[in-house]
Every structure is written in structure tokens, then in C-alpha cells.
């Protein structure tokens, strides 16, 4: 995967992560919240966060000070 493709993927993952956050908030604020659905969305959000971190690690080199 090229650096440009990684940056595009990173943008898409961040957008999906933000959308999941909004969906979780919306489900939590409604009176009839489905705890199983919320748990699934939170797991998906954590997987996205891991993917985002992995791509960021590849794009941002470690600098030894």
C-alpha cells in the first residue's frame, strides 16, 4: 500500500470511527437502547481505532531524540 493510499484509508477510518461514535451516542440517549447493539458498535469502534493507530505508526516515523 502506498503512502497516499494509506492516507486515504486513514481518512476513511477516522470518518467511520466518528460516525460510530455518533451512532453510539444516539442509541444511548434514546429510551429504548439496545445494549447488545451498543456493545457491537463499541467493539467495531475499538477495531477501527487499532487500525487507525497501525496506519499512523507506518506514516509517522519514530524519531529518536
PDB file of N, CA and C in Angstrom:
ATOM      1  N   UNK A   1       0.844  -1.165   0.000  1.00  0.00           N
ATOM      2  CA  UNK A   1       0.000   0.000   0.000  1.00  0.00           C
ATOM      3  C   UNK A   1       0.899   1.241   0.000  1.00  0.00           C
ATOM      4  N   UNK A   2       0.628   2.168  -0.907  1.00  0.00           N
ATOM      5  CA  UNK A   2       1.430   3.385  -0.990  1.00  0.00           C
ATOM      6  C   UNK A   2       1.044   4.351   0.136  1.00  0.00           C
ATOM      7  N   UNK A   3       1.886   5.347   0.326  1.00  0.00           N
ATOM      8  CA  UNK A   3       1.621   6.333   1.381  1.00  0.00           C
ATOM      9  C   UNK A   3       0.320   7.078   1.113  1.00  0.00           C
ATOM     10  N   UNK A   4       0.060   7.400  -0.138  1.00  0.00           N
ATOM     11  CA  UNK A   4      -1.170   8.108  -0.495  1.00  0.00           C
ATOM     12  C   UNK A   4      -2.401   7.248  -0.200  1.00  0.00           C
ATOM     13  N   UNK A   5      -2.318   5.969  -0.536  1.00  0.00           N
ATOM     14  CA  UNK A   5      -3.424   5.057  -0.250  1.00  0.00           C
ATOM     15  C   UNK A   5      -3.637   4.912   1.247  1.00  0.00           C
ATOM     16  N   UNK A   6      -2.542   4.893   1.995  1.00  0.00           N
ATOM     17  CA  UNK A   6      -2.645   4.790   3.447  1.00  0.00           C
ATOM     18  C   UNK A   6      -3.321   6.023   4.037  1.00  0.00           C
ATOM     19  N   UNK A   7      -2.991   7.192   3.500  1.00  0.00           N
ATOM     20  CA  UNK A   7      -3.615   8.428   3.993  1.00  0.00           C
ATOM     21  C   UNK A   7      -5.114   8.455   3.678  1.00  0.00           C
ATOM     22  N   UNK A   8      -5.492   7.981   2.502  1.00  0.00           N
ATOM     23  CA  UNK A   8      -6.915   7.917   2.142  1.00  0.00           C
ATOM     24  C   UNK A   8      -7.650   6.932   3.042  1.00  0.00           C
ATOM     25  N   UNK A   9      -7.034   5.786   3.299  1.00  0.00           N
ATOM     26  CA  UNK A   9      -7.627   4.779   4.175  1.00  0.00           C
ATOM     27  C   UNK A   9      -7.760   5.327   5.592  1.00  0.00           C
ATOM     28  N   UNK A  10      -6.760   6.056   6.036  1.00  0.00           N
ATOM     29  CA  UNK A  10      -6.785   6.656   7.367  1.00  0.00           C
ATOM     30  C   UNK A  10      -7.946   7.646   7.490  1.00  0.00           C
ATOM     31  N   UNK A  11      -8.142   8.448   6.472  1.00  0.00           N
ATOM     32  CA  UNK A  11      -9.251   9.407   6.476  1.00  0.00           C
ATOM     33  C   UNK A  11     -10.594   8.686   6.546  1.00  0.00           C
ATOM     34  N   UNK A  12     -10.736   7.618   5.767  1.00  0.00           N
ATOM     35  CA  UNK A  12     -11.983   6.852   5.761  1.00  0.00           C
ATOM     36  C   UNK A  12     -12.227   6.191   7.116  1.00  0.00           C
ATOM     37  N   UNK A  13     -11.182   5.652   7.716  1.00  0.00           N
ATOM     38  CA  UNK A  13     -11.324   5.012   9.018  1.00  0.00           C
ATOM     39  C   UNK A  13     -11.705   6.023  10.097  1.00  0.00           C
ATOM     40  N   UNK A  14     -11.097   7.186  10.054  1.00  0.00           N
ATOM     41  CA  UNK A  14     -11.431   8.227  11.040  1.00  0.00           C
ATOM     42  C   UNK A  14     -12.885   8.668  10.891  1.00  0.00           C
ATOM     43  N   UNK A  15     -13.353   8.783   9.656  1.00  0.00           N
ATOM     44  CA  UNK A  15     -14.742   9.165   9.414  1.00  0.00           C
ATOM     45  C   UNK A  15     -15.693   8.099   9.952  1.00  0.00           C
ATOM     46  N   UNK A  16     -15.388   6.841   9.677  1.00  0.00           N
ATOM     47  CA  UNK A  16     -16.227   5.755  10.173  1.00  0.00           C
ATOM     48  C   UNK A  16     -16.209   5.705  11.699  1.00  0.00           C
ATOM     49  N   UNK A  17     -15.049   5.945  12.307  1.00  0.00           N
ATOM     50  CA  UNK A  17     -14.928   5.974  13.763  1.00  0.00           C
ATOM     51  C   UNK A  17     -15.807   7.077  14.352  1.00  0.00           C
ATOM     52  N   UNK A  18     -15.775   8.238  13.727  1.00  0.00           N
ATOM     53  CA  UNK A  18     -16.593   9.371  14.184  1.00  0.00           C
ATOM     54  C   UNK A  18     -18.090   9.062  14.019  1.00  0.00           C
ATOM     55  N   UNK A  19     -18.452   8.417  12.910  1.00  0.00           N
ATOM     56  CA  UNK A  19     -19.850   8.048  12.680  1.00  0.00           C
ATOM     57  C   UNK A  19     -20.341   7.031  13.705  1.00  0.00           C
ATOM     58  N   UNK A  20     -19.482   6.072  14.038  1.00  0.00           N
ATOM     59  CA  UNK A  20     -19.850   5.090  15.052  1.00  0.00           C
ATOM     60  C   UNK A  20     -20.038   5.757  16.408  1.00  0.00           C
ATOM     61  N   UNK A  21     -19.208   6.719  16.717  1.00  0.00           N
ATOM     62  CA  UNK A  21     -19.334   7.451  17.971  1.00  0.00           C
ATOM     63  C   UNK A  21     -20.691   8.151  18.037  1.00  0.00           C
ATOM     64  N   UNK A  22     -21.088   8.759  16.938  1.00  0.00           N
ATOM     65  CA  UNK A  22     -22.386   9.439  16.887  1.00  0.00           C
ATOM     66  C   UNK A  22     -23.533   8.429  17.009  1.00  0.00           C
ATOM     67  N   UNK A  23     -23.390   7.278  16.377  1.00  0.00           N
ATOM     68  CA  UNK A  23     -24.432   6.256  16.446  1.00  0.00           C
ATOM     69  C   UNK A  23     -24.574   5.708  17.870  1.00  0.00           C
ATOM     70  N   UNK A  24     -23.441   5.502  18.524  1.00  0.00           N
ATOM     71  CA  UNK A  24     -23.467   5.015  19.907  1.00  0.00           C
ATOM     72  C   UNK A  24     -24.136   6.040  20.810  1.00  0.00           C
ATOM     73  N   UNK A  25     -23.795   7.311  20.634  1.00  0.00           N
ATOM     74  CA  UNK A  25     -24.411   8.376  21.427  1.00  0.00           C
ATOM     75  C   UNK A  25     -25.915   8.442  21.190  1.00  0.00           C
ATOM     76  N   UNK A  26     -26.317   8.298  19.929  1.00  0.00           N
ATOM     77  CA  UNK A  26     -27.743   8.355  19.590  1.00  0.00           C
ATOM     78  C   UNK A  26     -28.496   7.190  20.223  1.00  0.00           C
ATOM     79  N   UNK A  27     -27.920   6.001  20.164  1.00  0.00           N
ATOM     80  CA  UNK A  27     -28.577   4.846  20.772  1.00  0.00           C
ATOM     81  C   UNK A  27     -28.624   4.957  22.292  1.00  0.00           C
ATOM     82  N   UNK A  28     -27.598   5.529  22.870  1.00  0.00           N
ATOM     83  CA  UNK A  28     -27.536   5.651  24.325  1.00  0.00           C
ATOM     84  C   UNK A  28     -28.550   6.659  24.852  1.00  0.00           C
ATOM     85  N   UNK A  29     -28.824   7.690  24.083  1.00  0.00           N
ATOM     86  CA  UNK A  29     -29.728   8.737  24.563  1.00  0.00           C
ATOM     87  C   UNK A  29     -31.200   8.380  24.379  1.00  0.00           C
ATOM     88  N   UNK A  30     -31.493   7.424  23.502  1.00  0.00           N
ATOM     89  CA  UNK A  30     -32.892   7.023  23.327  1.00  0.00           C
ATOM     90  C   UNK A  30     -33.314   6.162  24.506  1.00  0.00           C
ATOM     91  N   UNK A  31     -34.579   6.205  24.811  1.00  0.00           N
ATOM     92  CA  UNK A  31     -35.096   5.441  25.949  1.00  0.00           C
ATOM     93  C   UNK A  31     -35.038   3.939  25.732  1.00  0.00           C
ATOM     94  N   UNK A  32     -35.092   3.497  24.491  1.00  0.00           N
ATOM     95  CA  UNK A  32     -35.105   2.062  24.196  1.00  0.00           C
ATOM     96  C   UNK A  32     -33.765   1.635  23.620  1.00  0.00           C
ATOM     97  N   UNK A  33     -32.719   1.828  24.393  1.00  0.00           N
ATOM     98  CA  UNK A  33     -31.378   1.494  23.900  1.00  0.00           C
ATOM     99  C   UNK A  33     -31.171  -0.018  23.922  1.00  0.00           C
ATOM    100  N   UNK A  34     -30.605  -0.511  22.847  1.00  0.00           N
ATOM    101  CA  UNK A  34     -30.297  -1.930  22.703  1.00  0.00           C
ATOM    102  C   UNK A  34     -28.847  -2.149  23.131  1.00  0.00           C
ATOM    103  N   UNK A  35     -28.659  -2.711  24.306  1.00  0.00           N
ATOM    104  CA  UNK A  35     -27.316  -2.860  24.863  1.00  0.00           C
ATOM    105  C   UNK A  35     -26.429  -3.757  24.012  1.00  0.00           C
ATOM    106  N   UNK A  36     -27.000  -4.773  23.402  1.00  0.00           N
ATOM    107  CA  UNK A  36     -26.212  -5.662  22.546  1.00  0.00           C
ATOM    108  C   UNK A  36     -25.705  -4.914  21.316  1.00  0.00           C
ATOM    109  N   UNK A  37     -26.570  -4.118  20.713  1.00  0.00           N
ATOM    110  CA  UNK A  37     -26.172  -3.329  19.545  1.00  0.00           C
ATOM    111  C   UNK A  37     -25.105  -2.307  19.916  1.00  0.00           C
ATOM    112  N   UNK A  38     -25.262  -1.668  21.057  1.00  0.00           N
ATOM    113  CA  UNK A  38     -24.270  -0.689  21.509  1.00  0.00           C
ATOM    114  C   UNK A  38     -22.922  -1.379  21.743  1.00  0.00           C
ATOM    115  N   UNK A  39     -22.935  -2.559  22.347  1.00  0.00           N
ATOM    116  CA  UNK A  39     -21.700  -3.295  22.594  1.00  0.00           C
ATOM    117  C   UNK A  39     -21.012  -3.665  21.288  1.00  0.00           C
ATOM    118  N   UNK A  40     -21.784  -4.066  20.298  1.00  0.00           N
ATOM    119  CA  UNK A  40     -21.210  -4.406  18.987  1.00  0.00           C
ATOM    120  C   UNK A  40     -20.590  -3.179  18.324  1.00  0.00           C
ATOM    121  N   UNK A  41     -21.268  -2.052  18.417  1.00  0.00           N
ATOM    122  CA  UNK A  41     -20.732  -0.828  17.830  1.00  0.00           C
ATOM    123  C   UNK A  41     -19.445  -0.402  18.535  1.00  0.00           C
ATOM    124  N   UNK A  42     -19.407  -0.564  19.847  1.00  0.00           N
ATOM    125  CA  UNK A  42     -18.197  -0.201  20.591  1.00  0.00           C
ATOM    126  C   UNK A  42     -17.027  -1.102  20.220  1.00  0.00           C
ATOM    127  N   UNK A  43     -17.286  -2.398  20.009  1.00  0.00           N
ATOM    128  CA  UNK A  43     -16.224  -3.311  19.587  1.00  0.00           C
ATOM    129  C   UNK A  43     -15.699  -2.917  18.212  1.00  0.00           C
ATOM    130  N   UNK A  44     -16.622  -2.572  17.309  1.00  0.00           N
ATOM    131  CA  UNK A  44     -16.225  -2.141  15.965  1.00  0.00           C
ATOM    132  C   UNK A  44     -15.385  -0.868  16.055  1.00  0.00           C
ATOM    133  N   UNK A  45     -15.793   0.037  16.922  1.00  0.00           N
ATOM    134  CA  UNK A  45     -15.071   1.293  17.101  1.00  0.00           C
ATOM    135  C   UNK A  45     -13.646   1.038  17.605  1.00  0.00           C
ATOM    136  N   UNK A  46     -13.491   0.089  18.523  1.00  0.00           N
ATOM    137  CA  UNK A  46     -12.161  -0.251  19.025  1.00  0.00           C
ATOM    138  C   UNK A  46     -11.284  -0.867  17.941  1.00  0.00           C
ATOM    139  N   UNK A  47     -11.878  -1.714  17.085  1.00  0.00           N
ATOM    140  CA  UNK A  47     -11.107  -2.294  15.978  1.00  0.00           C
ATOM    141  C   UNK A  47     -10.659  -1.202  15.017  1.00  0.00           C
ATOM    142  N   UNK A  48     -11.536  -0.237  14.762  1.00  0.00           N
ATOM    143  CA  UNK A  48     -11.163   0.882  13.895  1.00  0.00           C
ATOM    144  C   UNK A  48     -10.025   1.689  14.508  1.00  0.00           C
ATOM    145  N   UNK A  49     -10.099   1.907  15.817  1.00  0.00           N
ATOM    146  CA  UNK A  49      -9.043   2.655  16.489  1.00  0.00           C
ATOM    147  C   UNK A  49      -7.697   1.944  16.360  1.00  0.00           C
ATOM    148  N   UNK A  50      -7.716   0.615  16.478  1.00  0.00           N
ATOM    149  CA  UNK A  50      -6.489  -0.161  16.307  1.00  0.00           C
ATOM    150  C   UNK A  50      -5.943  -0.020  14.890  1.00  0.00           C
ATOM    151  N   UNK A  51      -6.819  -0.071  13.899  1.00  0.00           N
ATOM    152  CA  UNK A  51      -6.394   0.079  12.510  1.00  0.00           C
ATOM    153  C   UNK A  51      -5.831   1.474  12.262  1.00  0.00           C
ATOM    154  N   UNK A  52      -6.483   2.475  12.838  1.00  0.00           N
ATOM    155  CA  UNK A  52      -6.008   3.854  12.698  1.00  0.00           C
ATOM    156  C   UNK A  52      -4.615   3.986  13.298  1.00  0.00           C
ATOM    157  N   UNK A  53      -4.421   3.431  14.482  1.00  0.00           N
ATOM    158  CA  UNK A  53      -3.116   3.503  15.142  1.00  0.00           C
ATOM    159  C   UNK A  53      -2.039   2.805  14.325  1.00  0.00           C
ATOM    160  N   UNK A  54      -2.378   1.674  13.739  1.00  0.00           N
ATOM    161  CA  UNK A  54      -1.410   0.927  12.949  1.00  0.00           C
ATOM    162  C   UNK A  54      -0.973   1.722  11.720  1.00  0.00           C
ATOM    163  N   UNK A  55      -1.923   2.347  11.044  1.00  0.00           N
ATOM    164  CA  UNK A  55      -1.589   3.145   9.862  1.00  0.00           C
ATOM    165  C   UNK A  55      -0.789   4.375  10.256  1.00  0.00           C
ATOM    166  N   UNK A  56      -1.179   5.019  11.350  1.00  0.00           N
ATOM    167  CA  UNK A  56      -0.434   6.190  11.809  1.00  0.00           C
ATOM    168  C   UNK A  56       1.005   5.822  12.159  1.00  0.00           C
ATOM    169  N   UNK A  57       1.210   4.652  12.754  1.00  0.00           N
ATOM    170  CA  UNK A  57       2.567   4.206  13.067  1.00  0.00           C
ATOM    171  C   UNK A  57       3.408   4.047  11.811  1.00  0.00           C
ATOM    172  N   UNK A  58       2.791   3.592  10.721  1.00  0.00           N
ATOM    173  CA  UNK A  58       3.520   3.437   9.465  1.00  0.00           C
ATOM    174  C   UNK A  58       3.819   4.791   8.814  1.00  0.00           C
ATOM    175  N   UNK A  59       2.896   5.732   8.954  1.00  0.00           N
ATOM    176  CA  UNK A  59       3.061   7.026   8.302  1.00  0.00           C
ATOM    177  C   UNK A  59       3.974   7.979   9.072  1.00  0.00           C
ATOM    178  N   UNK A  60       3.941   7.890  10.393  1.00  0.00           N
ATOM    179  CA  UNK A  60       4.722   8.803  11.228  1.00  0.00           C
ATOM    180  C   UNK A  60       5.931   8.035  11.761  1.00  0.00           C
ATOM    181  N   UNK A  61       7.109   8.324  11.279  1.00  0.00           N
ATOM    182  CA  UNK A  61       8.290   7.584  11.732  1.00  0.00           C
ATOM    183  C   UNK A  61       8.660   7.926  13.172  1.00  0.00           C
ATOM    184  N   UNK A  62       9.253   6.951  13.831  1.00  0.00           N
ATOM    185  CA  UNK A  62       9.753   7.192  15.185  1.00  0.00           C
ATOM    186  C   UNK A  62      11.021   8.036  15.085  1.00  0.00           C
ATOM    187  N   UNK A  63      11.065   9.092  15.863  1.00  0.00           N
ATOM    188  CA  UNK A  63      12.228   9.980  15.878  1.00  0.00           C
ATOM    189  C   UNK A  63      12.903   9.822  17.229  1.00  0.00           C
ATOM    190  N   UNK A  64      14.143   9.410  17.187  1.00  0.00           N
ATOM    191  CA  UNK A  64      14.909   9.250  18.421  1.00  0.00           C
ATOM    192  C   UNK A  64      15.530  10.597  18.750  1.00  0.00           C
ATOM    193  N   UNK A  65      15.158  11.118  19.908  1.00  0.00           N
ATOM    194  CA  UNK A  65      15.645  12.440  20.313  1.00  0.00           C
ATOM    195  C   UNK A  65      16.964  12.354  21.014  1.00  0.00           C
TER     196      UNK A  65
END
